[in-house]
N, C-alpha and C. Protein backbone atom coordinates (compact mmCIF):
# COMPACT_ATOMS: atom_id res chain seq x y z
N MET A 1 -13.01 -6.39 13.21
CA MET A 1 -12.43 -5.06 13.52
C MET A 1 -11.69 -5.05 14.82
N PHE A 2 -11.78 -5.34 15.84
CA PHE A 2 -11.22 -5.69 16.49
C PHE A 2 -9.81 -6.96 17.03
N ARG A 3 -9.68 -7.17 16.05
CA ARG A 3 -8.80 -8.39 15.96
C ARG A 3 -7.57 -8.16 14.67
N VAL A 4 -8.13 -7.22 14.40
CA VAL A 4 -6.90 -6.22 13.44
C VAL A 4 -5.89 -5.44 14.64
N LEU A 5 -6.79 -5.09 15.23
CA LEU A 5 -5.66 -3.72 16.40
C LEU A 5 -5.03 -5.11 17.06
N LYS A 6 -4.58 -6.47 17.26
CA LYS A 6 -4.25 -7.22 18.11
C LYS A 6 -3.17 -7.83 17.36
N GLU A 7 -3.89 -8.03 15.97
CA GLU A 7 -2.88 -8.50 15.20
C GLU A 7 -3.08 -8.71 13.52
N THR A 8 -1.41 -9.03 13.07
CA THR A 8 -1.61 -8.59 11.99
C THR A 8 -2.48 -9.41 10.63
N PRO A 9 -3.43 -8.74 10.02
CA PRO A 9 -3.92 -9.84 9.08
C PRO A 9 -2.96 -10.65 8.20
N PRO A 10 -3.34 -11.89 8.33
CA PRO A 10 -2.28 -12.98 7.18
C PRO A 10 -2.35 -12.69 5.72
N ILE A 11 -1.42 -12.58 5.88
CA ILE A 11 -0.85 -11.93 3.62
C ILE A 11 -0.80 -13.30 3.13
N PRO A 12 -1.54 -13.18 1.58
CA PRO A 12 -1.68 -14.72 1.32
C PRO A 12 -0.29 -14.70 1.14
N GLU A 13 -0.29 -15.71 0.42
CA GLU A 13 1.48 -16.51 0.28
C GLU A 13 1.58 -16.76 -1.01
N ASN A 14 0.14 -16.75 -1.98
CA ASN A 14 0.30 -16.19 -3.73
C ASN A 14 0.62 -15.13 -4.20
N LEU A 15 0.45 -13.95 -2.93
CA LEU A 15 0.62 -12.94 -3.66
C LEU A 15 2.73 -12.61 -3.92
N SER A 16 2.80 -11.71 -4.57
CA SER A 16 3.98 -11.51 -5.20
C SER A 16 4.80 -10.49 -4.06
N ALA A 17 5.82 -10.80 -4.24
CA ALA A 17 6.63 -9.85 -2.94
C ALA A 17 6.95 -8.99 -2.40
N GLU A 18 6.42 -8.11 -4.33
CA GLU A 18 5.86 -6.58 -4.11
C GLU A 18 4.69 -6.36 -3.41
N GLY A 19 3.50 -6.97 -3.75
CA GLY A 19 2.48 -7.42 -2.86
C GLY A 19 2.40 -7.60 -1.99
N LYS A 20 3.05 -8.17 -1.27
CA LYS A 20 3.44 -8.73 0.77
C LYS A 20 4.34 -7.37 1.03
N ASP A 21 5.03 -6.98 0.35
CA ASP A 21 5.53 -5.60 0.54
C ASP A 21 4.66 -4.51 1.09
N PHE A 22 4.18 -4.11 0.26
CA PHE A 22 3.12 -3.57 0.03
C PHE A 22 2.22 -3.58 1.27
N LEU A 23 1.50 -4.39 1.20
CA LEU A 23 0.83 -4.88 2.87
C LEU A 23 1.19 -4.69 4.01
N ARG A 24 2.61 -4.99 3.99
CA ARG A 24 3.12 -5.22 5.40
C ARG A 24 3.65 -3.58 5.94
N CYS A 25 3.76 -2.48 4.98
CA CYS A 25 3.36 -1.08 5.16
C CYS A 25 1.83 -0.79 5.30
N CYS A 26 1.16 -1.22 4.64
CA CYS A 26 0.13 -0.80 5.30
C CYS A 26 -0.16 -1.42 6.86
N PHE A 27 0.23 -2.30 7.12
CA PHE A 27 -0.32 -3.40 8.28
C PHE A 27 0.80 -2.55 9.73
N ARG A 28 0.90 -1.87 9.35
CA ARG A 28 1.87 -1.24 10.62
C ARG A 28 1.36 -0.89 11.52
N ARG A 29 1.12 -1.17 13.22
CA ARG A 29 0.21 -0.49 13.96
C ARG A 29 0.59 1.02 14.54
N ASN A 30 2.33 1.28 14.23
CA ASN A 30 2.18 2.85 14.76
C ASN A 30 2.32 3.75 13.42
N PRO A 31 1.69 4.70 13.58
CA PRO A 31 0.71 5.46 12.91
C PRO A 31 2.13 6.03 12.01
N ALA A 32 3.27 6.95 13.13
CA ALA A 32 4.80 6.76 13.07
C ALA A 32 5.15 6.22 12.15
N GLU A 33 5.30 4.88 11.73
CA GLU A 33 6.26 3.98 11.33
C GLU A 33 5.02 3.62 9.87
N ARG A 34 3.68 3.71 9.74
CA ARG A 34 2.96 3.78 8.81
C ARG A 34 3.23 4.31 7.48
N ALA A 35 3.11 3.84 6.03
CA ALA A 35 3.70 4.87 4.99
C ALA A 35 2.63 5.40 4.97
N SER A 36 2.39 7.26 4.34
CA SER A 36 1.36 7.89 4.46
C SER A 36 0.74 7.41 2.63
N ALA A 37 -0.52 7.61 2.34
CA ALA A 37 -1.31 7.22 1.32
C ALA A 37 0.00 7.55 0.04
N SER A 38 0.22 9.17 0.39
CA SER A 38 1.18 9.40 -0.82
C SER A 38 2.64 8.55 -1.41
N THR A 39 3.22 8.40 -0.32
CA THR A 39 4.28 7.22 -0.40
C THR A 39 4.09 6.02 -0.77
N LEU A 40 2.99 5.40 -0.83
CA LEU A 40 2.13 3.96 -0.66
C LEU A 40 1.91 3.99 -2.31
N LEU A 41 1.29 4.77 -3.17
CA LEU A 41 0.63 5.54 -4.56
C LEU A 41 2.05 5.01 -5.09
N GLU A 42 3.28 5.44 -4.48
CA GLU A 42 5.01 5.37 -5.48
C GLU A 42 5.30 3.68 -4.59
N HIS A 43 4.37 3.48 -4.50
CA HIS A 43 5.09 1.93 -3.98
C HIS A 43 5.05 1.04 -5.49
N ARG A 44 6.40 0.26 -5.34
CA ARG A 44 6.45 -0.71 -6.95
C ARG A 44 4.98 -1.40 -6.98
N PHE A 45 4.27 -2.15 -5.88
CA PHE A 45 3.94 -3.01 -6.21
C PHE A 45 2.07 -2.24 -6.93
N VAL A 46 1.87 -0.51 -6.61
CA VAL A 46 1.36 0.25 -7.31
C VAL A 46 1.19 0.46 -8.95
N THR A 47 2.55 0.58 -8.89
CA THR A 47 3.25 1.77 -10.36
C THR A 47 3.12 0.71 -11.12
N THR A 48 3.57 -0.96 -10.89
CA THR A 48 3.90 -1.98 -11.96
C THR A 48 2.48 -2.75 -11.99
N SER A 49 1.63 -2.28 -10.89
CA SER A 49 0.29 -3.38 -11.44
C SER A 49 -0.98 -2.86 -11.91
N HIS A 50 -1.08 -2.26 -12.87
CA HIS A 50 -2.21 -1.33 -13.32
C HIS A 50 -1.52 -0.88 -14.77
N PRO A 51 -2.79 -0.92 -15.36
CA PRO A 51 -2.80 -0.11 -16.80
C PRO A 51 -2.46 0.59 -16.65
N PRO A 52 -1.52 1.24 -17.33
CA PRO A 52 -1.28 2.71 -17.46
C PRO A 52 -2.45 4.06 -17.89
N ASP A 53 -3.93 3.49 -17.77
CA ASP A 53 -4.86 4.34 -17.65
C ASP A 53 -5.22 4.82 -16.19
N ILE A 54 -4.83 3.59 -15.08
CA ILE A 54 -5.25 4.36 -13.95
C ILE A 54 -3.62 4.39 -13.26
N LEU A 55 -2.52 4.76 -14.03
CA LEU A 55 -1.26 4.37 -13.45
C LEU A 55 -1.31 5.89 -13.62
N SER A 56 -1.84 6.61 -14.89
CA SER A 56 -1.57 8.04 -14.66
C SER A 56 -2.72 9.09 -13.70
N CYS A 57 -3.89 8.52 -13.72
CA CYS A 57 -4.77 8.95 -12.93
C CYS A 57 -3.87 9.32 -11.58
N SER A 58 -3.73 7.86 -11.00
CA SER A 58 -2.67 8.11 -9.57
C SER A 58 -1.56 8.72 -9.21
N LEU A 59 -1.15 8.70 -10.70
CA LEU A 59 0.32 9.79 -11.06
C LEU A 59 -0.45 11.71 -10.82
N SER A 60 -1.71 11.50 -11.41
CA SER A 60 -2.12 13.18 -11.30
C SER A 60 -2.79 13.65 -9.81
N LEU A 61 -2.83 12.35 -9.33
CA LEU A 61 -3.43 12.42 -7.73
C LEU A 61 -1.80 12.83 -6.58
N SER A 62 -0.76 12.09 -7.26
CA SER A 62 0.14 12.43 -6.03
C SER A 62 0.87 13.82 -5.97
N GLY A 63 0.20 14.65 -7.05
CA GLY A 63 1.03 15.68 -5.91
C GLY A 63 -0.07 16.80 -5.13
N MET A 64 -1.38 16.17 -4.51
CA MET A 64 -2.32 16.25 -3.91
C MET A 64 -1.76 16.02 -2.43
N LYS A 65 -1.98 17.11 -1.45
CA LYS A 65 -1.72 16.76 -0.12
C LYS A 65 -2.88 15.69 0.65
N LEU A 66 -2.40 14.23 1.10
CA LEU A 66 -3.57 13.76 1.32
C LEU A 66 -3.26 13.62 2.82
């Protein structure tokens, strides 16, 4: 846990470009620069990676204040 505070965790090379971008959005140390949970739910990696039933569930949650 303390190591993550000092350096960015490695991103797997075999992950898709969208997956790498998603992780980079999550790993931003400055909270002001980090994407919100609702923004991450709309990220291309999330919206194209899951079966429709999971996607519809996440879309119904997107209207919630997170």
